[in-house]
Amino acid sequence: MRPYLCERFGNASSVHSLGREAKAALDSARDKTARILGCASSEIVFTSGGTESNNLTLLGVATANQDRGRHVVISAFEHPSVMEAALLLEQRGLEVSRVPVTADGMVEPRDLAAAMRDDTILASVLLVNNEVGTIQPVAELAGIAHERGAYFHTDAVQVPGAVAVSVVELGVDLLSLSAHKFYGPKGVGALYARQGTRIAPIMRGGEQERELRPGTENVPGVVGFAAALELAVDMLESETARLTPLRDKLIEGVLDSIPGSRLNGAREPRVAGNANFAFEGISGETLLVKLDLLGIAASSGSACAAGSLEPSHVLRAMGLPKPLAQSALRLSLGRSTTEDEINRVLQVLPEVVARLRR
């Protein structure tokens, strides 16, 4: 990214040599992203991240397809950017159905099929849940949507580096990504939009990004996005093999050493970097503060909902009672995670939970 932050600081929409240099970098990043996803370069729209990609999908598809229908289907435990966009659609007079999820954090294909209608224009189910890490059967879900003549979108923000992603194998029409989830820069993402998908811009301005996302392109961010995506895909197999036993050790250690603890979400299919727990009789927010003082960075749910006193809508959708949902602890594993760090958590977490209960 550094050259495009400094000496190659051209505007990719300009026709002079500096602009053409920036445009070449943008095109190269788009080609690389398309090659990894298995699509055409013209089907990649760069955005500011997963939230914008998800909003562009729901609001853009709804706007462009009102002649076909006014019904949208999402799952009950989508990311807040999908949930809030769906609420906005309802305020605009559209109907939104929310498919229930199982206690294990899975969307059942039969439930999606039951929610689909003849006037459904879009169904959206995330590929990996951002809080409990469960992997959804998106290829089967997309097939159900297509049988009813609807587009299918998946929020795949949690996926690169955790699960192989191919838009051909998934069979989706739209797919959202965000660079910071795979060690790229913050504030840049992408939307795959299959050629022929009817989608309208939600902002107005220039003609950048197929006229779907106006504004001067974030060239350094896009370059970093593509480089990080390539690294994540290259390291997928080795990192999954390394992290899976560490995750399993963490899960088994917590459940064995802390009475009244439970794992939220199915053990499989689950990404290697996620372990989400609930503990009877404690406050999750207080637990986070205690762990932070001990040098352990954790969360209670989505970072986009941080600061909210309400329990996770994901855990509530999975059927957890409010007190248990408010005790949630999400521990994430990544490239820097070591076995010593897992041992450290297993050493201090049981005592912290016991102290809070006392």
Protein backbone atom coordinates (compact mmCIF):
# COMPACT_ATOMS: atom_id res chain seq x y z
CA MET A 1 0.00 0.00 0.00
CA ARG A 2 2.84 2.39 0.83
CA PRO A 3 3.64 3.56 -2.73
CA TYR A 4 -0.02 4.51 -3.29
CA LEU A 5 -0.09 6.50 -0.07
CA CYS A 6 2.98 8.50 -1.09
CA GLU A 7 4.71 8.80 -4.44
CA ARG A 8 1.91 7.22 -6.55
CA PHE A 9 -0.85 9.33 -5.05
CA GLY A 10 -2.84 9.75 -8.26
CA ASN A 11 -6.61 9.84 -8.68
CA ALA A 12 -7.66 6.71 -10.57
CA SER A 13 -10.31 8.70 -12.46
CA SER A 14 -7.77 11.17 -13.87
CA VAL A 15 -6.37 10.76 -17.40
CA HIS A 16 -2.83 11.99 -16.70
CA SER A 17 0.03 9.57 -16.05
CA LEU A 18 -0.33 9.63 -12.27
CA GLY A 19 -4.03 8.86 -12.64
CA ARG A 20 -3.37 6.05 -15.12
CA GLU A 21 -0.83 4.57 -12.70
CA ALA A 22 -3.43 4.55 -9.93
CA LYS A 23 -6.04 3.12 -12.33
CA ALA A 24 -3.66 0.29 -13.24
CA ALA A 25 -3.26 -0.58 -9.55
CA LEU A 26 -7.05 -0.53 -9.11
CA ASP A 27 -7.54 -2.79 -12.13
CA SER A 28 -4.86 -5.19 -10.92
CA ALA A 29 -6.48 -5.47 -7.49
CA ARG A 30 -9.89 -6.03 -9.09
CA ASP A 31 -8.48 -8.76 -11.34
CA LYS A 32 -6.80 -10.47 -8.38
CA THR A 33 -10.00 -10.35 -6.30
CA ALA A 34 -12.07 -11.70 -9.18
CA ARG A 35 -9.62 -14.54 -9.80
CA ILE A 36 -9.80 -15.60 -6.16
CA LEU A 37 -13.62 -15.50 -6.05
CA GLY A 38 -13.98 -17.16 -9.44
CA CYS A 39 -15.83 -14.37 -11.23
CA ALA A 40 -15.31 -11.65 -13.84
CA SER A 41 -13.46 -8.47 -12.88
CA SER A 42 -16.48 -6.42 -13.93
CA GLU A 43 -18.50 -8.13 -11.18
CA ILE A 44 -16.38 -6.66 -8.34
CA VAL A 45 -17.48 -3.38 -6.74
CA PHE A 46 -15.12 -1.92 -4.15
CA THR A 47 -16.80 -0.34 -1.11
CA SER A 48 -15.87 0.96 2.34
CA GLY A 49 -16.47 -2.44 3.96
CA GLY A 50 -19.01 -5.11 4.80
CA THR A 51 -21.60 -2.69 6.16
CA GLU A 52 -21.73 -0.68 2.94
CA SER A 53 -21.72 -3.84 0.81
CA ASN A 54 -24.64 -5.26 2.78
CA ASN A 55 -26.59 -1.99 2.61
CA LEU A 56 -25.92 -1.65 -1.11
CA THR A 57 -27.28 -5.17 -1.59
CA LEU A 58 -30.50 -4.88 0.39
CA LEU A 59 -31.38 -1.29 -0.45
CA GLY A 60 -30.05 -1.45 -4.01
CA VAL A 61 -31.79 -4.69 -4.98
CA ALA A 62 -35.06 -3.57 -3.36
CA THR A 63 -34.97 -0.26 -5.22
CA ALA A 64 -34.19 -1.81 -8.60
CA ASN A 65 -36.70 -4.65 -8.39
CA GLN A 66 -39.90 -3.09 -7.05
CA ASP A 67 -41.69 -4.12 -10.24
CA ARG A 68 -40.93 -7.77 -9.44
CA GLY A 69 -41.93 -7.79 -5.77
CA ARG A 70 -41.63 -6.13 -2.38
CA HIS A 71 -40.66 -9.04 -0.15
CA VAL A 72 -37.19 -9.80 1.28
CA VAL A 73 -36.06 -12.75 3.40
CA ILE A 74 -33.16 -12.69 5.89
CA SER A 75 -32.11 -14.94 8.74
CA ALA A 76 -32.82 -13.97 12.34
CA PHE A 77 -29.13 -13.70 13.24
CA GLU A 78 -27.62 -11.59 10.49
CA HIS A 79 -25.01 -8.91 11.10
CA PRO A 80 -26.47 -5.58 12.33
CA SER A 81 -25.80 -4.00 8.92
CA VAL A 82 -28.28 -6.44 7.35
CA MET A 83 -30.76 -6.31 10.23
CA GLU A 84 -30.87 -2.49 10.22
CA ALA A 85 -31.10 -2.27 6.42
CA ALA A 86 -34.06 -4.68 6.60
CA LEU A 87 -35.76 -2.43 9.14
CA LEU A 88 -35.31 0.51 6.77
CA LEU A 89 -36.93 -1.51 3.97
CA GLU A 90 -39.91 -2.14 6.23
CA GLN A 91 -40.16 1.59 6.92
CA ARG A 92 -40.31 2.08 3.15
CA GLY A 93 -43.26 -0.30 2.86
CA LEU A 94 -41.56 -3.56 1.92
CA GLU A 95 -42.18 -6.80 3.79
CA VAL A 96 -39.29 -8.65 5.46
CA SER A 97 -39.45 -12.24 6.72
CA ARG A 98 -36.87 -13.40 9.26
CA VAL A 99 -36.03 -17.08 9.08
CA PRO A 100 -35.53 -18.69 12.53
CA VAL A 101 -32.28 -20.38 13.47
CA THR A 102 -31.71 -23.54 15.47
CA ALA A 103 -30.33 -23.72 19.00
CA ASP A 104 -27.03 -24.74 17.40
CA GLY A 105 -26.90 -21.58 15.29
CA MET A 106 -27.88 -22.99 11.91
CA VAL A 107 -30.36 -21.90 9.24
CA GLU A 108 -32.40 -24.91 8.09
CA PRO A 109 -33.06 -25.01 4.31
CA ARG A 110 -36.69 -26.06 4.92
CA ASP A 111 -37.24 -22.90 6.98
CA LEU A 112 -35.92 -20.69 4.19
CA ALA A 113 -38.11 -22.54 1.68
CA ALA A 114 -41.15 -21.93 3.90
CA ALA A 115 -40.41 -18.18 4.04
CA MET A 116 -40.05 -17.71 0.27
CA ARG A 117 -42.97 -16.28 -1.71
CA ASP A 118 -43.75 -15.58 -5.34
CA ASP A 119 -43.04 -11.87 -4.74
CA THR A 120 -39.72 -12.46 -2.93
CA ILE A 121 -36.95 -10.53 -4.68
CA LEU A 122 -34.01 -11.27 -2.39
CA ALA A 123 -32.89 -13.72 0.30
CA SER A 124 -29.82 -12.99 2.44
CA VAL A 125 -28.11 -15.44 4.80
CA LEU A 126 -24.56 -14.97 6.07
CA LEU A 127 -22.03 -17.67 5.24
CA VAL A 128 -20.36 -17.68 8.66
CA ASN A 129 -22.08 -16.15 11.67
CA ASN A 130 -19.94 -13.36 13.07
CA GLU A 131 -20.60 -14.21 16.73
CA VAL A 132 -20.80 -18.00 17.02
CA GLY A 133 -18.77 -19.00 13.95
CA THR A 134 -21.21 -21.55 12.51
CA ILE A 135 -20.97 -22.21 8.76
CA GLN A 136 -24.30 -22.08 6.93
CA PRO A 137 -25.33 -24.31 3.96
CA VAL A 138 -25.33 -21.35 1.59
CA ALA A 139 -25.11 -23.31 -1.67
CA GLU A 140 -28.32 -25.19 -0.79
CA LEU A 141 -30.00 -22.01 0.43
CA ALA A 142 -29.10 -20.16 -2.77
CA GLY A 143 -30.62 -22.97 -4.83
CA ILE A 144 -33.90 -22.62 -2.91
CA ALA A 145 -33.99 -18.87 -3.56
CA HIS A 146 -33.29 -19.31 -7.25
CA GLU A 147 -36.09 -21.88 -7.57
CA ARG A 148 -38.48 -19.11 -6.52
CA GLY A 149 -36.92 -16.57 -8.88
CA ALA A 150 -35.20 -14.51 -6.17
CA TYR A 151 -31.65 -13.25 -5.89
CA PHE A 152 -29.46 -14.66 -3.13
CA HIS A 153 -26.90 -12.68 -1.14
CA THR A 154 -24.45 -13.87 1.47
CA ASP A 155 -22.48 -11.79 3.95
CA ALA A 156 -19.11 -13.55 3.69
CA VAL A 157 -17.19 -11.03 5.78
CA GLN A 158 -16.01 -13.72 8.23
CA VAL A 159 -14.97 -16.15 5.50
CA PRO A 160 -11.61 -15.41 3.78
CA GLY A 161 -8.86 -17.23 5.61
CA ALA A 162 -11.43 -19.34 7.46
CA VAL A 163 -13.40 -21.07 4.69
CA ALA A 164 -12.74 -21.45 0.96
CA VAL A 165 -14.95 -19.08 -1.00
CA SER A 166 -16.01 -19.47 -4.63
CA VAL A 167 -19.05 -17.65 -5.97
CA VAL A 168 -19.49 -20.43 -8.53
CA GLU A 169 -19.57 -23.21 -5.94
CA LEU A 170 -21.78 -21.16 -3.62
CA GLY A 171 -24.12 -20.20 -6.45
CA VAL A 172 -24.77 -16.73 -5.02
CA ASP A 173 -25.70 -13.57 -6.89
CA LEU A 174 -24.17 -11.16 -4.38
CA LEU A 175 -21.42 -11.56 -1.76
CA SER A 176 -19.96 -9.08 0.74
CA LEU A 177 -16.36 -8.87 1.97
CA SER A 178 -14.40 -6.57 4.32
CA ALA A 179 -10.60 -6.32 4.31
CA HIS A 180 -9.96 -5.93 8.03
CA LYS A 181 -11.43 -9.39 8.71
CA PHE A 182 -8.48 -10.96 6.90
CA TYR A 183 -5.72 -8.64 8.13
CA GLY A 184 -6.19 -5.99 5.47
CA PRO A 185 -6.75 -2.26 6.04
CA LYS A 186 -9.87 -1.00 7.79
CA GLY A 187 -12.42 0.95 5.80
CA VAL A 188 -12.34 -0.99 2.52
CA GLY A 189 -14.41 -3.90 1.28
CA ALA A 190 -16.02 -5.34 -1.82
CA LEU A 191 -19.31 -6.55 -3.18
CA TYR A 192 -19.51 -9.29 -5.77
CA ALA A 193 -22.56 -8.59 -7.92
CA ARG A 194 -23.20 -11.18 -10.62
CA GLN A 195 -23.53 -9.77 -14.12
CA GLY A 196 -27.19 -9.14 -14.86
CA THR A 197 -28.22 -8.64 -11.23
CA ARG A 198 -30.54 -5.66 -11.02
CA ILE A 199 -29.17 -3.34 -8.36
CA ALA A 200 -29.41 0.43 -7.95
CA PRO A 201 -26.84 2.72 -6.29
CA ILE A 202 -27.74 4.01 -2.84
CA MET A 203 -25.51 7.08 -3.23
CA ARG A 204 -25.37 9.57 -6.08
CA GLY A 205 -22.30 11.17 -7.62
CA GLY A 206 -19.71 10.04 -10.14
CA GLU A 207 -19.57 7.00 -12.38
CA GLN A 208 -16.99 4.99 -10.45
CA GLU A 209 -17.45 1.27 -9.70
CA ARG A 210 -19.95 0.47 -12.47
CA GLU A 211 -21.90 3.55 -11.34
CA LEU A 212 -22.87 1.59 -8.21
CA ARG A 213 -20.49 3.25 -5.77
CA PRO A 214 -19.68 6.88 -6.65
CA GLY A 215 -16.70 8.65 -5.16
CA THR A 216 -12.95 8.79 -5.60
CA GLU A 217 -11.56 5.29 -5.25
CA ASN A 218 -9.52 4.34 -2.18
CA VAL A 219 -6.56 3.09 -4.20
CA PRO A 220 -4.20 2.25 -1.28
CA GLY A 221 -7.03 0.49 0.54
CA VAL A 222 -8.06 -1.52 -2.51
CA VAL A 223 -4.45 -2.55 -3.14
CA GLY A 224 -4.19 -3.67 0.49
CA PHE A 225 -7.54 -5.47 0.24
CA ALA A 226 -6.41 -7.61 -2.69
CA ALA A 227 -2.99 -8.36 -1.20
CA ALA A 228 -4.51 -9.40 2.14
CA LEU A 229 -7.15 -11.54 0.41
CA GLU A 230 -4.47 -13.36 -1.56
CA LEU A 231 -2.46 -14.03 1.61
CA ALA A 232 -5.55 -15.24 3.48
CA VAL A 233 -6.39 -17.73 0.74
CA ASP A 234 -2.79 -18.95 0.51
CA MET A 235 -2.65 -19.50 4.29
CA LEU A 236 -6.14 -21.00 4.66
CA GLU A 237 -5.14 -24.66 4.79
CA SER A 238 -2.13 -24.27 7.06
CA GLU A 239 -3.86 -21.86 9.46
CA THR A 240 -6.96 -24.03 9.71
CA ALA A 241 -4.80 -27.04 10.55
CA ARG A 242 -2.92 -25.03 13.18
CA LEU A 243 -5.87 -23.29 14.80
CA THR A 244 -8.41 -26.13 14.94
CA PRO A 245 -6.62 -28.08 17.72
CA LEU A 246 -6.03 -24.83 19.64
CA ARG A 247 -9.72 -23.97 19.39
CA ASP A 248 -10.72 -27.47 20.50
CA LYS A 249 -8.32 -27.30 23.43
CA LEU A 250 -9.83 -23.97 24.45
CA ILE A 251 -13.41 -25.22 24.18
CA GLU A 252 -12.79 -28.45 26.03
CA GLY A 253 -10.72 -26.72 28.70
CA VAL A 254 -13.39 -24.11 29.41
CA LEU A 255 -16.27 -26.59 29.52
CA ASP A 256 -14.31 -29.01 31.72
CA SER A 257 -13.03 -26.44 34.22
CA ILE A 258 -15.99 -24.06 34.61
CA PRO A 259 -19.27 -25.43 35.99
CA GLY A 260 -22.36 -23.86 34.44
CA SER A 261 -20.59 -23.05 31.16
CA ARG A 262 -21.80 -23.83 27.67
CA LEU A 263 -20.57 -23.47 24.11
CA ASN A 264 -22.79 -21.32 21.93
CA GLY A 265 -23.23 -22.74 18.44
CA ALA A 266 -22.51 -26.15 16.98
CA ARG A 267 -19.00 -27.61 17.28
CA GLU A 268 -19.21 -28.45 13.58
CA PRO A 269 -19.49 -26.95 11.04
CA ARG A 270 -17.62 -24.10 12.73
CA VAL A 271 -14.65 -21.96 11.70
CA ALA A 272 -11.36 -22.65 13.46
CA GLY A 273 -11.02 -19.14 14.88
CA ASN A 274 -14.18 -18.89 16.97
CA ALA A 275 -15.20 -20.02 20.46
CA ASN A 276 -18.29 -18.46 22.03
CA PHE A 277 -19.33 -19.31 25.59
CA ALA A 278 -22.05 -18.46 28.10
CA PHE A 279 -21.63 -18.70 31.89
CA GLU A 280 -24.47 -18.98 34.33
CA GLY A 281 -24.70 -16.29 37.00
CA ILE A 282 -22.32 -13.60 35.71
CA SER A 283 -22.31 -10.42 33.61
CA GLY A 284 -20.47 -10.70 30.32
CA GLU A 285 -19.48 -7.02 30.32
CA THR A 286 -17.90 -7.32 33.76
CA LEU A 287 -16.08 -10.45 32.63
CA LEU A 288 -14.63 -8.57 29.65
CA VAL A 289 -13.28 -5.82 31.91
CA LYS A 290 -11.66 -8.34 34.27
CA LEU A 291 -10.05 -10.21 31.38
CA ASP A 292 -8.80 -7.01 29.79
CA LEU A 293 -7.04 -6.08 33.03
CA LEU A 294 -5.27 -9.44 32.76
CA GLY A 295 -4.16 -8.76 29.18
CA ILE A 296 -6.81 -10.88 27.44
CA ALA A 297 -8.76 -9.12 24.68
CA ALA A 298 -12.21 -10.63 24.16
CA SER A 299 -15.74 -9.56 23.24
CA SER A 300 -19.32 -10.34 24.13
CA GLY A 301 -20.72 -10.21 20.60
CA SER A 302 -20.48 -8.15 17.44
CA ALA A 303 -18.09 -5.18 17.61
CA CYS A 304 -20.78 -3.21 15.79
CA ALA A 305 -23.05 -3.66 18.81
CA ALA A 306 -20.41 -2.87 21.44
CA GLY A 307 -21.69 -0.59 24.17
CA SER A 308 -25.25 -1.88 23.92
CA LEU A 309 -26.78 -3.11 27.18
CA GLU A 310 -29.07 -5.44 25.27
CA PRO A 311 -28.04 -9.10 24.96
CA SER A 312 -26.82 -10.39 21.61
CA HIS A 313 -29.66 -10.75 19.10
CA VAL A 314 -27.74 -13.73 17.70
CA LEU A 315 -27.87 -15.64 20.98
CA ARG A 316 -31.47 -14.62 21.59
CA ALA A 317 -32.41 -15.90 18.13
CA MET A 318 -30.76 -19.20 19.10
CA GLY A 319 -33.09 -19.42 22.10
CA LEU A 320 -30.79 -18.42 24.97
CA PRO A 321 -32.66 -16.77 27.85
CA LYS A 322 -31.71 -13.12 28.40
CA PRO A 323 -29.55 -13.62 31.54
CA LEU A 324 -27.51 -16.33 29.83
CA ALA A 325 -27.17 -14.33 26.62
CA GLN A 326 -25.86 -11.41 28.68
CA SER A 327 -23.05 -13.61 30.01
CA ALA A 328 -21.60 -14.33 26.55
CA LEU A 329 -17.86 -14.37 25.91
CA ARG A 330 -16.45 -14.60 22.39
CA LEU A 331 -12.80 -15.61 22.08
CA SER A 332 -11.23 -15.32 18.63
CA LEU A 333 -8.11 -17.11 17.42
CA GLY A 334 -5.93 -15.87 14.57
CA ARG A 335 -2.49 -15.84 13.02
CA SER A 336 -0.80 -14.51 16.15
CA THR A 337 -2.52 -16.92 18.56
CA THR A 338 -0.18 -19.35 20.35
CA GLU A 339 -0.71 -22.36 22.56
CA ASP A 340 0.79 -20.39 25.46
CA GLU A 341 -2.02 -17.86 25.07
CA ILE A 342 -4.64 -20.63 25.14
CA ASN A 343 -3.01 -22.00 28.29
CA ARG A 344 -3.07 -18.51 29.82
CA VAL A 345 -6.82 -18.18 29.22
CA LEU A 346 -7.48 -21.62 30.66
CA GLN A 347 -5.40 -20.68 33.69
CA VAL A 348 -7.15 -17.41 34.56
CA LEU A 349 -10.69 -17.69 33.18
CA PRO A 350 -12.02 -20.28 35.69
CA GLU A 351 -10.86 -18.19 38.65
CA VAL A 352 -12.26 -14.96 37.19
CA VAL A 353 -15.66 -16.57 36.62
CA ALA A 354 -15.63 -18.09 40.12
CA ARG A 355 -14.71 -14.73 41.66
CA LEU A 356 -17.52 -12.95 39.82
CA ARG A 357 -20.01 -15.55 40.98
CA ARG A 358 -18.89 -15.15 44.57
